[in-house]
């Protein structure tokens, strides 16, 4: 029951592929936000909210880079594991598969932190809107 078949790491392929697609989508969304903020920064005067958003985006970009790198590493280790299984290096295959799982776990942890940061970015946007138009919040609460 402790044997590692080629099917085990092969099961991670679709999961890692979908995860990388999700990470890429997050990166593209961040890139669009950076471009939008750049345009606002060029047009606007000094704004505290804008600087908070820029700081948040820098951190999120760093986390996304780490998520993607660890996701790719997990994928590469998964392929290496299958090669080792194919060559009948069972002990090495188990170690490489364990490393693949650990890098996937680390990637998911970076993803969790990035999601938390993204919600903070939304809070910054909402607080900015509340400061500019306090009646907006009142209006939204009155509708419920």
Protein backbone atom coordinates (compact mmCIF):
# COMPACT_ATOMS: atom_id res chain seq x y z
CA UNK A 1 0.00 0.00 0.00
CA UNK A 2 3.02 2.28 0.37
CA UNK A 3 3.94 1.86 -3.28
CA UNK A 4 3.84 5.01 -5.34
CA UNK A 5 2.40 4.35 -8.77
CA UNK A 6 2.70 6.67 -11.73
CA UNK A 7 -1.01 7.44 -11.32
CA UNK A 8 -0.49 9.24 -8.02
CA UNK A 9 1.64 12.15 -9.31
CA UNK A 10 -0.36 12.10 -12.56
CA UNK A 11 -3.44 12.99 -10.52
CA UNK A 12 -1.81 16.28 -9.57
CA UNK A 13 -1.40 17.38 -13.20
CA UNK A 14 -4.93 18.70 -13.71
CA UNK A 15 -5.02 20.28 -10.26
CA UNK A 16 -1.71 22.09 -10.74
CA UNK A 17 -2.68 23.19 -14.24
CA UNK A 18 -5.95 24.69 -13.01
CA UNK A 19 -4.14 26.30 -10.12
CA UNK A 20 -1.62 27.90 -12.46
CA UNK A 21 -4.49 29.19 -14.61
CA UNK A 22 -6.08 30.76 -11.53
CA UNK A 23 -2.75 32.31 -10.54
CA UNK A 24 -2.27 33.72 -14.03
CA UNK A 25 -5.74 35.24 -13.94
CA UNK A 26 -4.93 36.90 -10.61
CA UNK A 27 -1.70 38.25 -12.08
CA UNK A 28 -3.49 39.66 -15.12
CA UNK A 29 -6.08 41.32 -12.88
CA UNK A 30 -3.29 42.88 -10.80
CA UNK A 31 -1.51 44.08 -13.94
CA UNK A 32 -4.71 45.80 -15.10
CA UNK A 33 -5.07 47.44 -11.69
CA UNK A 34 -1.48 48.67 -11.78
CA UNK A 35 -2.03 50.24 -15.19
CA UNK A 36 -5.23 51.90 -13.99
CA UNK A 37 -3.54 53.18 -10.84
CA UNK A 38 -0.64 54.49 -12.87
CA UNK A 39 -3.04 56.57 -14.96
CA UNK A 40 -4.73 57.88 -11.81
CA UNK A 41 -1.38 58.65 -10.21
CA UNK A 42 -0.27 60.68 -13.19
CA UNK A 43 -3.54 62.68 -13.24
CA UNK A 44 -4.20 63.15 -9.53
CA UNK A 45 -2.51 65.10 -6.81
CA UNK A 46 -1.04 63.48 -3.70
CA UNK A 47 -3.50 60.97 -2.27
CA UNK A 48 -3.03 58.77 0.77
CA UNK A 49 -5.42 56.12 -0.58
CA UNK A 50 -3.45 55.83 -3.80
CA UNK A 51 -0.21 55.22 -1.91
CA UNK A 52 -1.90 52.54 0.21
CA UNK A 53 -3.13 50.84 -2.95
CA UNK A 54 0.31 50.96 -4.55
CA UNK A 55 1.91 49.46 -1.44
CA UNK A 56 -0.72 46.74 -1.34
CA UNK A 57 -0.24 45.94 -5.03
CA UNK A 58 3.53 45.64 -4.63
CA UNK A 59 3.06 43.09 -1.86
CA UNK A 60 0.43 41.20 -3.86
CA UNK A 61 2.66 41.05 -6.94
CA UNK A 62 5.43 39.58 -4.80
CA UNK A 63 3.08 36.94 -3.40
CA UNK A 64 1.73 36.08 -6.83
CA UNK A 65 5.28 35.68 -8.15
CA UNK A 66 6.04 33.29 -5.28
CA UNK A 67 2.77 31.41 -5.79
CA UNK A 68 3.52 30.91 -9.46
CA UNK A 69 7.15 29.92 -8.90
CA UNK A 70 6.21 27.34 -6.28
CA UNK A 71 3.36 26.06 -8.45
CA UNK A 72 5.74 25.59 -11.38
CA UNK A 73 8.28 23.91 -9.06
CA UNK A 74 5.57 21.56 -7.85
CA UNK A 75 4.68 20.73 -11.44
CA UNK A 76 8.33 20.10 -12.35
CA UNK A 77 8.86 17.90 -9.31
CA UNK A 78 5.73 15.98 -10.22
CA UNK A 79 7.15 15.30 -13.68
CA UNK A 80 10.50 14.31 -12.15
CA UNK A 81 8.67 11.95 -9.80
CA UNK A 82 6.95 10.24 -12.70
CA UNK A 83 10.29 9.88 -14.47
CA UNK A 84 11.81 8.34 -11.34
CA UNK A 85 8.90 5.92 -11.05
CA UNK A 86 9.36 5.03 -14.72
CA UNK A 87 13.07 4.30 -14.02
CA UNK A 88 12.13 2.25 -10.91
CA UNK A 89 13.84 4.59 -8.42
CA UNK A 90 11.04 4.20 -5.89
CA UNK A 91 12.72 5.77 -2.85
CA UNK A 92 13.83 8.84 -4.80
CA UNK A 93 10.38 9.09 -6.41
CA UNK A 94 8.72 9.20 -2.99
CA UNK A 95 11.04 11.98 -1.81
CA UNK A 96 10.54 14.01 -4.97
CA UNK A 97 6.78 13.55 -4.73
CA UNK A 98 6.88 14.72 -1.11
CA UNK A 99 8.81 17.81 -2.22
CA UNK A 100 6.23 18.38 -4.94
CA UNK A 101 3.44 18.28 -2.37
CA UNK A 102 5.33 20.62 -0.04
CA UNK A 103 5.93 23.16 -2.79
CA UNK A 104 2.25 22.95 -3.73
CA UNK A 105 1.34 23.53 -0.08
CA UNK A 106 3.65 26.55 0.09
CA UNK A 107 2.13 27.89 -3.12
CA UNK A 108 -1.35 27.59 -1.64
CA UNK A 109 -0.24 29.37 1.53
CA UNK A 110 1.11 32.27 -0.54
CA UNK A 111 -2.21 32.27 -2.37
CA UNK A 112 -4.10 32.52 0.92
CA UNK A 113 -1.99 35.50 2.03
CA UNK A 114 -2.50 37.18 -1.35
CA UNK A 115 -6.27 36.70 -1.07
CA UNK A 116 -6.19 38.34 2.36
CA UNK A 117 -4.22 41.25 0.91
CA UNK A 118 -6.66 41.60 -1.97
CA UNK A 119 -9.56 41.95 0.46
CA UNK A 120 -7.62 44.67 2.26
CA UNK A 121 -7.25 46.45 -1.10
CA UNK A 122 -11.01 46.32 -1.54
CA UNK A 123 -11.42 47.73 1.98
CA UNK A 124 -9.15 50.65 1.01
CA UNK A 125 -11.35 51.34 -2.02
CA UNK A 126 -14.53 51.16 0.06
CA UNK A 127 -13.16 53.43 2.77
CA UNK A 128 -12.14 55.94 0.10
CA UNK A 129 -15.67 55.95 -1.29
CA UNK A 130 -17.15 56.31 2.20
CA UNK A 131 -14.91 59.30 2.87
CA UNK A 132 -15.88 61.01 -0.37
CA UNK A 133 -19.60 60.34 -0.09
CA UNK A 134 -20.77 59.34 3.38
CA UNK A 135 -24.36 59.33 2.13
CA UNK A 136 -23.52 56.41 -0.19
CA UNK A 137 -23.17 54.05 2.76
CA UNK A 138 -26.36 55.39 4.30
CA UNK A 139 -28.15 54.97 0.98
CA UNK A 140 -26.98 51.36 0.64
CA UNK A 141 -28.00 50.52 4.21
CA UNK A 142 -31.42 52.12 3.74
CA UNK A 143 -32.09 49.89 0.71
CA UNK A 144 -31.80 46.72 2.78
